[in-house]
Amino acid sequence: MLPSQEIRDLISKGHIRTPSYEPITERQIQPASLDLRLGDVGYRVQASFVPQNSTVEQGIADAGLKMSRVDLTRPTVFEKGCVYIVPLQEELELPDDISARANPKSSTGRLDVFTRLITDHGVYFDHVHPGYKGRLYAEIASRTFTVIVSAGMTLNQVRFARGNPKSSDRATTELEKTVMQKEEALVYGEGGAPAKARIGKQSILLSVNLQASDASEAVAYQARKNAPVIDLTKINFYNQEEFWDIRRDPGKRGLILEPGDFYILASKEKVSVPPDWAAEMVSMDQDIGEFRMHYAGFFDPGFGYGGGEVRGTQAVLEVRAHEVPFRIEHDQIMARLKYIPLRSRPDKIYGTDIGSSYQRQGLALSKHFKRS
């Protein structure tokens, strides 16, 4: 995976460009990814689609999918349950040996705003094939809340890779040994003590935390139905109680996930991503439970890593139950964290020094809500 300085180099050479908009800013460049900005217009469409045999614009027109055109130069309401496609400000002209993948930003996923990248003649969402030349589009479908968006807002991000590095149990075990030799760890337990990671399926296995230290502590948030609209430009603004129901330690009963409801939970483990690696959250196989896990699953280099100051950070789990109620219990395996090597150490590392929002998080809602 390419680090921040190589992303900056792609921009300087015109492989990432904004011919119709203001230049890319340094603030968009993250340790191993680039934030993508919404353009000036969008389209409300009847259905999601993959434009395998056309450009995105042609696919919308040929299938008669467009219901309305929306002006994003001013704050615009995106209704929950509706699908929108927005051309992004950034375009790509990638070298033949560089590919890309996208994912929602953390705050986007924590609001249940389902956001996917689409490319012209694309076969898969969130994938950009090597050598791609063309525009980028965001499909946006807010599942729980009605939201207000506008041009220039960043809801998703893209990361770039040369080659196709493969993860394995052995490589993950070797990474853990290397990190522990530096008196660090990939996983920390109670009190910040290094812990042995559970390794399987080429990744670290993460479980859910449903135990509280006292009776007043939340172990989960369940999104309320018919909540007020959320303006995505407002940070540390909304009262949690208007949008979320708090779930406390359920004890041996466990927590029952109601079908179609959206939950924010946290991992039992505190995880750490070394500065010359990134990580991706991967859902467990569906046969372990009737739920979908984690919309925004990318962890930049340095997440939970602090050279002794930050002893791991809990991963936030965004969970939606499927067709039937499903019970989960404390320490139940919920997800996998797959580590991906970088070509070199980034010249900026995730953390408060670059304005990262979740370096010291516990169970945390998106940055739009007031901290209790």
Protein backbone atom coordinates (compact mmCIF):
# COMPACT_ATOMS: atom_id res chain seq x y z
CA MET A 1 0.00 0.00 0.00
CA LEU A 2 1.23 3.50 -0.82
CA PRO A 3 2.03 5.85 2.09
CA SER A 4 1.12 9.54 2.25
CA GLN A 5 4.25 10.78 0.48
CA GLU A 6 3.64 8.49 -2.50
CA ILE A 7 0.00 9.59 -2.67
CA ARG A 8 1.31 13.16 -2.77
CA ASP A 9 3.61 12.11 -5.61
CA LEU A 10 0.66 10.67 -7.58
CA ILE A 11 -1.06 14.04 -7.22
CA SER A 12 1.98 16.03 -8.34
CA LYS A 13 2.34 13.85 -11.46
CA GLY A 14 -1.32 14.27 -12.42
CA HIS A 15 -2.41 10.69 -11.71
CA ILE A 16 -4.94 12.13 -9.24
CA ARG A 17 -6.39 15.43 -10.43
CA THR A 18 -9.31 17.85 -10.11
CA PRO A 19 -9.68 19.58 -13.50
CA SER A 20 -12.98 21.28 -12.65
CA TYR A 21 -12.38 22.07 -8.98
CA GLU A 22 -9.93 23.51 -6.50
CA PRO A 23 -6.67 21.55 -6.09
CA ILE A 24 -6.42 18.72 -3.60
CA THR A 25 -5.50 19.97 -0.13
CA GLU A 26 -2.97 18.56 2.29
CA ARG A 27 -5.80 17.96 4.74
CA GLN A 28 -7.25 15.32 2.39
CA ILE A 29 -4.04 13.28 2.45
CA GLN A 30 -4.14 10.75 5.27
CA PRO A 31 -1.29 8.40 6.32
CA ALA A 32 -2.29 5.77 3.73
CA SER A 33 -5.41 7.12 2.03
CA LEU A 34 -6.94 10.14 0.32
CA ASP A 35 -10.26 11.72 1.32
CA LEU A 36 -12.58 12.24 -1.67
CA ARG A 37 -14.81 15.33 -2.00
CA LEU A 38 -18.39 15.48 -3.22
CA GLY A 39 -18.93 17.46 -6.41
CA ASP A 40 -21.45 20.24 -7.11
CA VAL A 41 -24.33 18.06 -8.33
CA GLY A 42 -25.87 14.70 -7.59
CA TYR A 43 -28.68 12.48 -8.77
CA ARG A 44 -31.40 10.76 -6.83
CA VAL A 45 -31.83 7.40 -8.55
CA GLN A 46 -34.32 4.56 -8.38
CA ALA A 47 -31.78 1.85 -7.63
CA SER A 48 -28.14 1.08 -7.05
CA PHE A 49 -26.26 -0.46 -9.97
CA VAL A 50 -22.82 -1.46 -11.25
CA PRO A 51 -22.10 0.11 -14.71
CA GLN A 52 -20.24 -2.90 -16.08
CA ASN A 53 -20.94 -2.06 -19.74
CA SER A 54 -21.11 1.73 -19.65
CA THR A 55 -20.00 4.88 -17.94
CA VAL A 56 -21.88 5.78 -14.77
CA GLU A 57 -23.62 8.70 -16.46
CA GLN A 58 -24.69 6.50 -19.40
CA GLY A 59 -25.94 3.81 -17.06
CA ILE A 60 -28.14 6.30 -15.21
CA ALA A 61 -29.54 7.69 -18.48
CA ASP A 62 -29.97 4.43 -20.41
CA ALA A 63 -31.85 2.68 -17.61
CA GLY A 64 -33.97 5.73 -16.82
CA LEU A 65 -32.79 5.61 -13.21
CA LYS A 66 -32.60 9.36 -12.57
CA MET A 67 -35.48 10.66 -10.48
CA SER A 68 -34.12 14.15 -9.87
CA ARG A 69 -30.98 16.29 -10.04
CA VAL A 70 -29.80 17.80 -6.76
CA ASP A 71 -27.75 20.97 -6.32
CA LEU A 72 -24.96 20.42 -3.79
CA THR A 73 -23.56 23.96 -3.95
CA ARG A 74 -25.93 24.57 -1.04
CA PRO A 75 -26.85 22.32 1.92
CA THR A 76 -29.09 19.54 0.57
CA VAL A 77 -31.20 16.93 2.35
CA PHE A 78 -30.51 13.29 1.52
CA GLU A 79 -33.54 11.35 2.72
CA LYS A 80 -32.99 8.06 4.52
CA GLY A 81 -33.87 5.03 2.44
CA CYS A 82 -33.13 6.83 -0.84
CA VAL A 83 -30.19 6.24 -3.19
CA TYR A 84 -28.07 9.10 -4.55
CA ILE A 85 -25.12 9.11 -6.93
CA VAL A 86 -22.69 12.02 -6.73
CA PRO A 87 -19.77 12.67 -9.12
CA LEU A 88 -16.68 13.34 -7.02
CA GLN A 89 -14.25 16.20 -7.47
CA GLU A 90 -11.24 13.91 -7.89
CA GLU A 91 -10.48 11.99 -11.08
CA LEU A 92 -7.84 9.30 -11.73
CA GLU A 93 -5.32 8.45 -14.40
CA LEU A 94 -3.50 5.65 -12.68
CA PRO A 95 -0.26 3.99 -13.80
CA ASP A 96 -0.72 0.45 -15.09
CA ASP A 97 0.73 -1.08 -11.92
CA ILE A 98 -1.35 0.91 -9.41
CA SER A 99 -4.85 -0.10 -8.27
CA ALA A 100 -7.10 1.41 -5.62
CA ARG A 101 -9.78 0.49 -3.12
CA ALA A 102 -12.24 2.72 -1.30
CA ASN A 103 -14.24 2.67 1.90
CA PRO A 104 -16.49 5.03 3.89
CA LYS A 105 -14.76 7.28 6.39
CA SER A 106 -15.22 6.32 10.04
CA SER A 107 -17.77 9.04 10.81
CA THR A 108 -19.77 8.07 7.72
CA GLY A 109 -20.01 4.45 8.80
CA ARG A 110 -20.96 5.34 12.36
CA LEU A 111 -23.99 7.22 11.05
CA ASP A 112 -25.06 4.24 8.93
CA VAL A 113 -24.58 6.27 5.75
CA PHE A 114 -23.90 3.50 3.24
CA THR A 115 -21.31 4.94 0.81
CA ARG A 116 -19.62 3.07 -2.05
CA LEU A 117 -17.26 4.13 -4.83
CA ILE A 118 -18.32 3.54 -8.45
CA THR A 119 -16.13 3.80 -11.56
CA ASP A 120 -17.00 3.85 -15.26
CA HIS A 121 -17.27 0.28 -16.62
CA GLY A 122 -16.67 -0.98 -13.09
CA VAL A 123 -17.42 -4.58 -12.18
CA TYR A 124 -17.21 -4.15 -8.39
CA PHE A 125 -18.04 -1.43 -5.91
CA ASP A 126 -15.08 0.20 -4.13
CA HIS A 127 -12.51 -1.33 -6.51
CA VAL A 128 -10.46 0.64 -9.07
CA HIS A 129 -8.56 -1.53 -11.53
CA PRO A 130 -4.87 -0.86 -12.35
CA GLY A 131 -4.41 1.87 -14.93
CA TYR A 132 -7.97 3.24 -14.55
CA LYS A 133 -8.56 6.57 -16.27
CA GLY A 134 -11.80 8.39 -15.56
CA ARG A 135 -14.18 9.95 -13.10
CA LEU A 136 -15.15 8.68 -9.67
CA TYR A 137 -18.66 8.57 -8.21
CA ALA A 138 -20.06 8.01 -4.73
CA GLU A 139 -23.24 6.03 -4.21
CA ILE A 140 -24.82 7.31 -1.00
CA ALA A 141 -27.73 5.69 0.83
CA SER A 142 -28.40 6.74 4.40
CA ARG A 143 -30.00 3.76 6.10
CA THR A 144 -31.00 5.21 9.50
CA PHE A 145 -30.84 9.02 9.58
CA THR A 146 -31.84 11.74 7.13
CA VAL A 147 -28.71 13.83 6.59
CA ILE A 148 -27.71 17.19 5.10
CA VAL A 149 -24.74 17.17 2.71
CA SER A 150 -23.02 19.70 0.44
CA ALA A 151 -20.23 19.96 -2.13
CA GLY A 152 -16.71 19.51 -0.80
CA MET A 153 -17.79 17.18 1.99
CA THR A 154 -15.73 13.98 2.39
CA LEU A 155 -17.74 10.80 3.01
CA ASN A 156 -15.33 8.20 1.65
CA GLN A 157 -11.61 7.70 1.04
CA VAL A 158 -9.43 5.80 -1.38
CA ARG A 159 -6.15 3.96 -0.85
CA PHE A 160 -3.65 2.90 -3.49
CA ALA A 161 -1.59 -0.26 -3.89
CA ARG A 162 1.17 -1.59 -6.08
CA GLY A 163 0.94 -5.34 -6.54
CA ASN A 164 -1.36 -7.57 -4.50
CA PRO A 165 0.16 -8.38 -1.10
CA LYS A 166 -1.29 -11.51 0.45
CA SER A 167 -2.01 -11.92 4.13
CA SER A 168 -1.40 -15.19 5.93
CA ASP A 169 -1.49 -16.61 9.45
CA ARG A 170 2.30 -16.93 9.33
CA ALA A 171 2.84 -13.33 8.23
CA THR A 172 0.48 -12.07 10.94
CA THR A 173 2.29 -14.15 13.58
CA GLU A 174 5.67 -12.83 12.41
CA LEU A 175 4.35 -9.25 12.55
CA GLU A 176 3.20 -9.80 16.13
CA LYS A 177 6.64 -11.16 17.10
CA THR A 178 8.40 -8.19 15.49
CA VAL A 179 6.16 -5.68 17.25
CA MET A 180 6.58 -7.37 20.65
CA GLN A 181 10.37 -7.21 20.27
CA LYS A 182 9.91 -3.43 20.32
CA GLU A 183 7.92 -3.72 23.57
CA GLU A 184 4.71 -2.96 21.71
CA ALA A 185 1.80 -5.24 20.78
CA LEU A 186 -0.93 -5.67 18.17
CA VAL A 187 -3.48 -6.31 20.94
CA TYR A 188 -3.68 -4.92 24.47
CA GLY A 189 -5.82 -6.09 27.36
CA GLU A 190 -6.92 -4.67 30.69
CA GLY A 191 -4.83 -1.77 31.94
CA GLY A 192 -2.91 -1.52 28.68
CA ALA A 193 -1.02 -4.77 29.19
CA PRO A 194 0.20 -6.47 25.98
CA ALA A 195 -1.93 -9.50 25.14
CA LYS A 196 -1.56 -12.48 22.84
CA ALA A 197 -3.62 -11.99 19.69
CA ARG A 198 -6.02 -14.65 18.49
CA ILE A 199 -4.89 -15.32 14.93
CA GLY A 200 -6.92 -17.06 12.26
CA LYS A 201 -7.94 -16.68 8.62
CA GLN A 202 -4.90 -14.49 7.87
CA SER A 203 -5.93 -11.92 10.48
CA ILE A 204 -6.45 -11.09 14.13
CA LEU A 205 -9.81 -12.17 15.52
CA LEU A 206 -11.75 -9.49 17.41
CA SER A 207 -14.57 -10.02 19.88
CA VAL A 208 -17.29 -7.72 21.20
CA ASN A 209 -17.25 -6.05 24.61
CA LEU A 210 -20.54 -6.23 26.53
CA GLN A 211 -19.15 -5.84 30.06
CA ALA A 212 -19.24 -2.49 31.85
CA SER A 213 -17.12 -1.27 34.74
CA ASP A 214 -20.21 0.23 36.44
CA ALA A 215 -23.99 0.18 36.06
CA SER A 216 -24.15 3.56 34.30
CA GLU A 217 -21.67 2.70 31.52
CA ALA A 218 -22.97 2.10 27.98
CA VAL A 219 -21.84 -1.05 26.16
CA ALA A 220 -23.82 -0.35 22.96
CA TYR A 221 -25.85 2.30 21.20
CA GLN A 222 -29.00 1.41 19.26
CA ALA A 223 -30.12 3.97 16.67
CA ARG A 224 -33.56 5.46 17.18
CA LYS A 225 -36.15 5.38 14.43
CA ASN A 226 -37.52 8.69 13.12
CA ALA A 227 -34.72 10.77 14.65
CA PRO A 228 -34.14 14.41 13.64
CA VAL A 229 -32.08 15.32 10.58
CA ILE A 230 -28.27 15.45 10.96
CA ASP A 231 -26.24 18.21 9.29
CA LEU A 232 -22.89 16.58 8.55
CA THR A 233 -21.04 19.89 8.85
CA LYS A 234 -21.90 20.17 12.56
CA ILE A 235 -19.23 18.65 14.82
CA ASN A 236 -19.67 17.92 18.54
CA PHE A 237 -23.15 19.39 18.18
CA TYR A 238 -26.02 16.90 18.64
CA ASN A 239 -27.28 15.42 21.90
CA GLN A 240 -26.86 11.66 21.87
CA GLU A 241 -30.22 11.00 23.55
CA GLU A 242 -32.22 12.35 20.59
CA PHE A 243 -30.70 9.80 18.21
CA TRP A 244 -29.58 6.78 20.22
CA ASP A 245 -30.86 4.44 22.92
CA ILE A 246 -28.19 3.33 25.36
CA ARG A 247 -27.73 -0.37 26.07
CA ARG A 248 -26.03 -1.30 29.33
CA ASP A 249 -24.30 -4.45 30.53
CA PRO A 250 -26.76 -7.27 29.76
CA GLY A 251 -24.94 -9.84 31.89
CA LYS A 252 -25.44 -13.48 30.97
CA ARG A 253 -28.59 -12.64 28.99
CA GLY A 254 -26.49 -11.18 26.20
CA LEU A 255 -27.67 -8.48 23.79
CA ILE A 256 -30.39 -9.25 21.25
CA LEU A 257 -29.92 -7.46 17.93
CA GLU A 258 -33.30 -6.57 16.43
CA PRO A 259 -33.72 -7.15 12.67
CA GLY A 260 -32.98 -4.05 10.61
CA ASP A 261 -31.75 -1.98 13.57
CA PHE A 262 -28.33 -0.34 13.62
CA TYR A 263 -25.94 -0.69 16.55
CA ILE A 264 -22.62 0.79 17.61
CA LEU A 265 -20.49 -1.55 19.75
CA ALA A 266 -16.80 -1.81 20.60
CA SER A 267 -14.24 -4.57 20.54
CA LYS A 268 -13.09 -6.18 23.77
CA GLU A 269 -9.52 -5.97 22.49
CA LYS A 270 -7.57 -2.75 22.16
CA VAL A 271 -5.75 -2.90 18.85
CA SER A 272 -2.65 -1.24 17.49
CA VAL A 273 -1.49 -0.66 13.91
CA PRO A 274 2.28 -0.10 13.54
CA PRO A 275 3.27 2.99 11.52
CA ASP A 276 4.54 1.02 8.52
CA TRP A 277 1.36 -1.07 8.27
CA ALA A 278 -2.35 -0.44 7.69
CA ALA A 279 -5.26 -2.67 8.61
CA GLU A 280 -8.69 -3.53 7.26
CA MET A 281 -11.67 -4.76 9.23
CA VAL A 282 -13.27 -7.81 7.65
CA SER A 283 -16.61 -9.30 8.68
CA MET A 284 -16.66 -12.88 9.87
CA ASP A 285 -18.33 -15.51 7.70
CA GLN A 286 -22.09 -15.07 7.71
CA ASP A 287 -22.64 -18.58 9.01
CA ILE A 288 -21.53 -17.46 12.50
CA GLY A 289 -24.46 -15.05 12.84
CA GLU A 290 -27.30 -13.20 11.18
CA PHE A 291 -25.73 -9.74 11.09
CA ARG A 292 -23.69 -7.46 8.85
CA MET A 293 -20.60 -5.98 10.43
CA HIS A 294 -18.60 -2.83 9.85
CA TYR A 295 -19.18 -0.37 7.02
CA ALA A 296 -16.01 1.68 7.43
CA GLY A 297 -13.28 -0.85 7.94
CA PHE A 298 -9.93 0.85 7.27
CA PHE A 299 -7.35 1.66 9.95
CA ASP A 300 -4.55 4.05 9.03
CA PRO A 301 -0.93 3.50 10.12
CA GLY A 302 -0.50 4.52 13.74
CA PHE A 303 -4.05 3.79 14.91
CA GLY A 304 -3.81 2.84 18.57
CA TYR A 305 -0.03 3.05 18.39
CA GLY A 306 1.80 5.52 20.55
CA GLY A 307 5.22 4.32 21.54
CA GLY A 308 4.02 3.68 25.09
CA GLU A 309 1.63 6.65 25.38
CA VAL A 310 -1.29 4.98 23.60
CA ARG A 311 -1.60 1.31 24.52
CA GLY A 312 -4.06 0.25 21.87
CA THR A 313 -7.50 1.58 20.96
CA GLN A 314 -10.81 -0.26 20.86
CA ALA A 315 -12.21 -0.86 17.39
CA VAL A 316 -15.75 0.39 16.91
CA LEU A 317 -18.11 -2.20 15.43
CA GLU A 318 -21.02 -1.03 13.24
CA VAL A 319 -23.57 -3.82 13.24
CA ARG A 320 -26.94 -4.45 11.61
CA ALA A 321 -28.97 -7.60 12.21
CA HIS A 322 -30.47 -9.37 9.19
CA GLU A 323 -33.80 -11.18 9.00
CA VAL A 324 -34.22 -12.56 12.52
CA PRO A 325 -33.37 -11.37 16.05
CA PHE A 326 -29.86 -12.49 16.94
CA ARG A 327 -28.29 -12.75 20.40
CA ILE A 328 -24.66 -11.90 20.99
CA GLU A 329 -22.67 -12.29 24.20
CA HIS A 330 -19.53 -10.82 25.72
CA ASP A 331 -16.28 -11.97 24.07
CA GLN A 332 -18.09 -13.39 21.04
CA ILE A 333 -15.92 -13.26 17.91
CA MET A 334 -17.39 -10.61 15.60
CA ALA A 335 -14.73 -9.51 13.10
CA ARG A 336 -11.23 -9.93 11.73
CA LEU A 337 -8.47 -7.33 11.45
CA LYS A 338 -6.22 -7.95 8.46
CA TYR A 339 -2.84 -6.18 8.37
CA ILE A 340 -1.46 -4.80 5.09
CA PRO A 341 2.18 -3.72 4.58
CA LEU A 342 3.07 -0.26 3.33
CA ARG A 343 5.84 0.37 0.81
CA SER A 344 7.48 2.68 3.35
CA ARG A 345 6.64 4.50 6.57
CA PRO A 346 4.27 7.45 5.95
CA ASP A 347 5.45 10.98 6.62
CA LYS A 348 2.29 11.52 8.68
CA ILE A 349 0.90 9.08 11.26
CA TYR A 350 -2.67 8.67 12.52
CA GLY A 351 -3.22 10.56 15.76
CA THR A 352 -4.18 13.84 17.35
CA ASP A 353 -1.22 15.63 15.72
CA ILE A 354 -2.96 15.43 12.31
CA GLY A 355 -6.48 15.95 13.68
CA SER A 356 -7.56 12.30 13.83
CA SER A 357 -10.83 11.95 15.74
CA TYR A 358 -10.70 8.47 17.26
CA GLN A 359 -7.15 7.74 18.46
CA ARG A 360 -8.13 7.37 22.13
CA GLN A 361 -11.71 6.20 21.64
CA GLY A 362 -13.65 3.71 23.66
CA LEU A 363 -17.21 3.03 22.63
CA ALA A 364 -17.64 6.17 20.52
CA LEU A 365 -20.34 7.64 18.31
CA SER A 366 -19.40 9.76 15.30
CA LYS A 367 -17.80 13.17 15.83
CA HIS A 368 -21.15 14.90 15.18
CA PHE A 369 -22.42 14.05 18.67
CA LYS A 370 -21.48 15.73 21.95
CA ARG A 371 -19.19 13.68 24.14
CA SER A 372 -20.97 12.68 27.33
